[in-house]
Amino acid sequence: MQETDPEGAVEWMLSKLGGARKLMQDRVQESMSELIRRLTEGADAEDRLFICQSRYTGPLAGHQGLGMVRKGSVVRYKKVLSF
């Protein structure tokens, strides 16, 4: 897990797009903003936004996404990428 902010989360997603980055930038910004809004809705002051991933990632296995973390535990998670 890696702590981030909304801008860092958008940048993380754009980095996954490689060459399509410029074509998808506006769409990714809109989608990630909505996802972050839903994740942070009703969050406690101590909750932090993190980029998370499954314990195992590899061919046809694993996922990455955004999560709200409180005291070291993920309290909400939304999968963004599947492998």
N, C-alpha and C. Protein backbone atom coordinates (compact mmCIF):
# COMPACT_ATOMS: atom_id res chain seq x y z
N MET A 1 0.84 -1.17 0.00
CA MET A 1 0.00 0.00 0.00
C MET A 1 0.88 1.24 0.00
N GLN A 2 0.38 2.26 -0.64
CA GLN A 2 1.10 3.52 -0.74
C GLN A 2 0.11 4.66 -0.52
N GLU A 3 0.36 5.49 0.48
CA GLU A 3 -0.53 6.62 0.73
C GLU A 3 -0.44 7.59 -0.43
N THR A 4 -1.57 8.22 -0.75
CA THR A 4 -1.64 9.14 -1.87
C THR A 4 -2.66 10.23 -1.58
N ASP A 5 -2.81 11.14 -2.49
CA ASP A 5 -3.85 12.15 -2.44
C ASP A 5 -4.63 12.03 -3.75
N PRO A 6 -5.73 12.76 -3.91
CA PRO A 6 -6.51 12.61 -5.16
C PRO A 6 -5.68 12.84 -6.43
N GLU A 7 -4.79 13.83 -6.42
CA GLU A 7 -3.97 14.08 -7.60
C GLU A 7 -3.00 12.93 -7.86
N GLY A 8 -2.44 12.38 -6.79
CA GLY A 8 -1.54 11.24 -6.93
C GLY A 8 -2.25 10.00 -7.45
N ALA A 9 -3.51 9.82 -7.04
CA ALA A 9 -4.29 8.68 -7.52
C ALA A 9 -4.55 8.79 -9.02
N VAL A 10 -4.87 9.99 -9.48
CA VAL A 10 -5.09 10.20 -10.92
C VAL A 10 -3.79 9.96 -11.68
N GLU A 11 -2.69 10.47 -11.17
CA GLU A 11 -1.38 10.29 -11.82
C GLU A 11 -1.02 8.80 -11.87
N TRP A 12 -1.30 8.06 -10.80
CA TRP A 12 -1.05 6.61 -10.77
C TRP A 12 -1.82 5.91 -11.88
N MET A 13 -3.11 6.25 -12.02
CA MET A 13 -3.92 5.61 -13.06
C MET A 13 -3.42 5.99 -14.44
N LEU A 14 -3.08 7.25 -14.65
CA LEU A 14 -2.57 7.67 -15.96
C LEU A 14 -1.25 6.97 -16.29
N SER A 15 -0.42 6.70 -15.28
CA SER A 15 0.85 6.01 -15.53
C SER A 15 0.64 4.59 -16.04
N LYS A 16 -0.50 4.00 -15.73
CA LYS A 16 -0.82 2.64 -16.19
C LYS A 16 -1.23 2.61 -17.66
N LEU A 17 -1.55 3.77 -18.23
CA LEU A 17 -2.07 3.82 -19.60
C LEU A 17 -0.99 3.89 -20.67
N GLY A 18 0.22 4.22 -20.30
CA GLY A 18 1.31 4.28 -21.27
C GLY A 18 1.03 5.27 -22.37
N GLY A 19 1.06 4.81 -23.62
CA GLY A 19 0.91 5.67 -24.78
C GLY A 19 -0.47 6.29 -24.93
N ALA A 20 -1.48 5.73 -24.29
CA ALA A 20 -2.84 6.26 -24.41
C ALA A 20 -3.10 7.39 -23.41
N ARG A 21 -2.10 7.75 -22.65
CA ARG A 21 -2.25 8.72 -21.57
C ARG A 21 -2.92 10.02 -22.03
N LYS A 22 -2.41 10.64 -23.08
CA LYS A 22 -2.95 11.93 -23.52
C LYS A 22 -4.39 11.79 -24.02
N LEU A 23 -4.69 10.68 -24.66
CA LEU A 23 -6.04 10.46 -25.18
C LEU A 23 -7.05 10.27 -24.05
N MET A 24 -6.63 9.68 -22.96
CA MET A 24 -7.54 9.30 -21.88
C MET A 24 -7.52 10.23 -20.67
N GLN A 25 -6.69 11.25 -20.67
CA GLN A 25 -6.48 12.06 -19.49
C GLN A 25 -7.78 12.65 -18.91
N ASP A 26 -8.62 13.26 -19.72
CA ASP A 26 -9.85 13.86 -19.23
C ASP A 26 -10.79 12.81 -18.66
N ARG A 27 -10.92 11.71 -19.38
CA ARG A 27 -11.82 10.62 -18.93
C ARG A 27 -11.34 10.03 -17.61
N VAL A 28 -10.05 9.79 -17.49
CA VAL A 28 -9.48 9.24 -16.25
C VAL A 28 -9.70 10.23 -15.10
N GLN A 29 -9.48 11.50 -15.34
CA GLN A 29 -9.68 12.53 -14.32
C GLN A 29 -11.11 12.49 -13.79
N GLU A 30 -12.08 12.44 -14.69
CA GLU A 30 -13.49 12.40 -14.30
C GLU A 30 -13.83 11.13 -13.52
N SER A 31 -13.39 9.99 -14.04
CA SER A 31 -13.71 8.70 -13.40
C SER A 31 -13.06 8.59 -12.02
N MET A 32 -11.80 8.96 -11.93
CA MET A 32 -11.10 8.85 -10.65
C MET A 32 -11.65 9.84 -9.62
N SER A 33 -12.02 11.03 -10.07
CA SER A 33 -12.62 12.01 -9.16
C SER A 33 -13.91 11.47 -8.56
N GLU A 34 -14.74 10.86 -9.39
CA GLU A 34 -15.99 10.28 -8.91
C GLU A 34 -15.72 9.11 -7.94
N LEU A 35 -14.79 8.26 -8.28
CA LEU A 35 -14.44 7.13 -7.41
C LEU A 35 -13.93 7.63 -6.06
N ILE A 36 -13.05 8.61 -6.08
CA ILE A 36 -12.49 9.15 -4.83
C ILE A 36 -13.59 9.82 -4.01
N ARG A 37 -14.49 10.52 -4.67
CA ARG A 37 -15.60 11.16 -3.96
C ARG A 37 -16.45 10.12 -3.22
N ARG A 38 -16.74 9.00 -3.90
CA ARG A 38 -17.53 7.94 -3.27
C ARG A 38 -16.78 7.27 -2.13
N LEU A 39 -15.47 7.05 -2.33
CA LEU A 39 -14.67 6.42 -1.28
C LEU A 39 -14.55 7.29 -0.03
N THR A 40 -14.41 8.60 -0.22
CA THR A 40 -14.18 9.49 0.91
C THR A 40 -15.46 10.00 1.54
N GLU A 41 -16.58 9.75 0.91
CA GLU A 41 -17.87 10.18 1.46
C GLU A 41 -18.08 9.53 2.83
N GLY A 42 -18.29 10.34 3.84
CA GLY A 42 -18.53 9.82 5.18
C GLY A 42 -17.28 9.29 5.87
N ALA A 43 -16.11 9.58 5.34
CA ALA A 43 -14.86 9.08 5.94
C ALA A 43 -14.55 9.83 7.24
N ASP A 44 -13.91 9.13 8.14
CA ASP A 44 -13.44 9.75 9.38
C ASP A 44 -12.23 10.62 9.09
N ALA A 45 -11.94 11.54 9.99
CA ALA A 45 -10.79 12.44 9.82
C ALA A 45 -9.48 11.67 9.78
N GLU A 46 -9.42 10.51 10.41
CA GLU A 46 -8.18 9.73 10.44
C GLU A 46 -8.02 8.80 9.24
N ASP A 47 -9.04 8.68 8.40
CA ASP A 47 -8.96 7.83 7.20
C ASP A 47 -8.05 8.48 6.16
N ARG A 48 -7.26 7.65 5.49
CA ARG A 48 -6.33 8.12 4.47
C ARG A 48 -6.54 7.33 3.19
N LEU A 49 -6.32 8.00 2.05
CA LEU A 49 -6.45 7.38 0.74
C LEU A 49 -5.15 6.66 0.39
N PHE A 50 -5.25 5.41 -0.04
CA PHE A 50 -4.09 4.61 -0.40
C PHE A 50 -4.31 3.94 -1.75
N ILE A 51 -3.21 3.73 -2.47
CA ILE A 51 -3.20 2.85 -3.63
C ILE A 51 -2.89 1.46 -3.07
N CYS A 52 -3.74 0.50 -3.34
CA CYS A 52 -3.61 -0.85 -2.77
C CYS A 52 -3.53 -1.88 -3.89
N GLN A 53 -3.04 -3.06 -3.53
CA GLN A 53 -3.05 -4.17 -4.48
C GLN A 53 -3.20 -5.47 -3.73
N SER A 54 -3.64 -6.49 -4.45
CA SER A 54 -3.77 -7.81 -3.85
C SER A 54 -2.38 -8.34 -3.49
N ARG A 55 -2.35 -9.32 -2.63
CA ARG A 55 -1.06 -9.89 -2.21
C ARG A 55 -0.29 -10.48 -3.37
N TYR A 56 -0.99 -11.07 -4.31
CA TYR A 56 -0.34 -11.67 -5.46
C TYR A 56 -0.83 -10.97 -6.72
N THR A 57 0.08 -10.55 -7.56
CA THR A 57 -0.28 -10.04 -8.88
C THR A 57 0.59 -10.75 -9.90
N GLY A 58 -0.01 -11.13 -10.96
CA GLY A 58 0.71 -11.82 -12.02
C GLY A 58 -0.23 -12.06 -13.18
N PRO A 59 0.18 -12.86 -14.14
CA PRO A 59 -0.68 -13.14 -15.29
C PRO A 59 -2.02 -13.72 -14.84
N LEU A 60 -3.08 -13.02 -15.19
CA LEU A 60 -4.45 -13.46 -14.91
C LEU A 60 -4.77 -13.57 -13.43
N ALA A 61 -4.03 -12.87 -12.59
CA ALA A 61 -4.29 -12.93 -11.15
C ALA A 61 -3.94 -11.61 -10.50
N GLY A 62 -4.79 -11.16 -9.62
CA GLY A 62 -4.51 -9.97 -8.84
C GLY A 62 -5.26 -8.74 -9.32
N HIS A 63 -5.18 -7.72 -8.49
CA HIS A 63 -5.85 -6.46 -8.79
C HIS A 63 -5.18 -5.32 -8.04
N GLN A 64 -5.43 -4.10 -8.49
CA GLN A 64 -4.98 -2.88 -7.84
C GLN A 64 -6.17 -1.94 -7.77
N GLY A 65 -6.17 -1.10 -6.76
CA GLY A 65 -7.27 -0.16 -6.63
C GLY A 65 -6.97 0.89 -5.58
N LEU A 66 -8.02 1.59 -5.17
CA LEU A 66 -7.90 2.62 -4.16
C LEU A 66 -8.65 2.18 -2.92
N GLY A 67 -8.09 2.51 -1.78
CA GLY A 67 -8.72 2.14 -0.52
C GLY A 67 -8.60 3.25 0.50
N MET A 68 -9.56 3.26 1.41
CA MET A 68 -9.49 4.14 2.56
C MET A 68 -8.95 3.30 3.72
N VAL A 69 -7.86 3.80 4.31
CA VAL A 69 -7.17 3.05 5.36
C VAL A 69 -7.30 3.81 6.67
N ARG A 70 -7.67 3.07 7.72
CA ARG A 70 -7.78 3.62 9.07
C ARG A 70 -6.97 2.75 10.02
N LYS A 71 -6.00 3.34 10.65
CA LYS A 71 -5.15 2.65 11.63
C LYS A 71 -4.56 1.36 11.05
N GLY A 72 -4.10 1.43 9.81
CA GLY A 72 -3.43 0.30 9.18
C GLY A 72 -4.33 -0.74 8.56
N SER A 73 -5.64 -0.55 8.63
CA SER A 73 -6.57 -1.52 8.04
C SER A 73 -7.42 -0.85 6.95
N VAL A 74 -7.63 -1.56 5.87
CA VAL A 74 -8.46 -1.04 4.78
C VAL A 74 -9.92 -1.14 5.22
N VAL A 75 -10.62 0.00 5.23
CA VAL A 75 -12.02 0.00 5.62
C VAL A 75 -12.96 0.09 4.41
N ARG A 76 -12.44 0.59 3.28
CA ARG A 76 -13.18 0.60 2.01
C ARG A 76 -12.17 0.38 0.91
N TYR A 77 -12.60 -0.33 -0.12
CA TYR A 77 -11.70 -0.63 -1.23
C TYR A 77 -12.49 -0.71 -2.52
N LYS A 78 -11.93 -0.16 -3.58
CA LYS A 78 -12.55 -0.28 -4.90
C LYS A 78 -11.48 -0.72 -5.89
N LYS A 79 -11.69 -1.87 -6.49
CA LYS A 79 -10.78 -2.40 -7.50
C LYS A 79 -10.84 -1.52 -8.74
N VAL A 80 -9.66 -1.14 -9.26
CA VAL A 80 -9.58 -0.30 -10.45
C VAL A 80 -9.03 -1.10 -11.63
N LEU A 81 -8.03 -1.93 -11.37
CA LEU A 81 -7.38 -2.73 -12.42
C LEU A 81 -7.38 -4.21 -12.03
N SER A 82 -7.67 -5.06 -12.98
CA SER A 82 -7.54 -6.50 -12.78
C SER A 82 -6.48 -7.03 -13.72
N PHE A 83 -5.75 -8.03 -13.27
CA PHE A 83 -4.70 -8.62 -14.09
C PHE A 83 -5.10 -10.00 -14.56
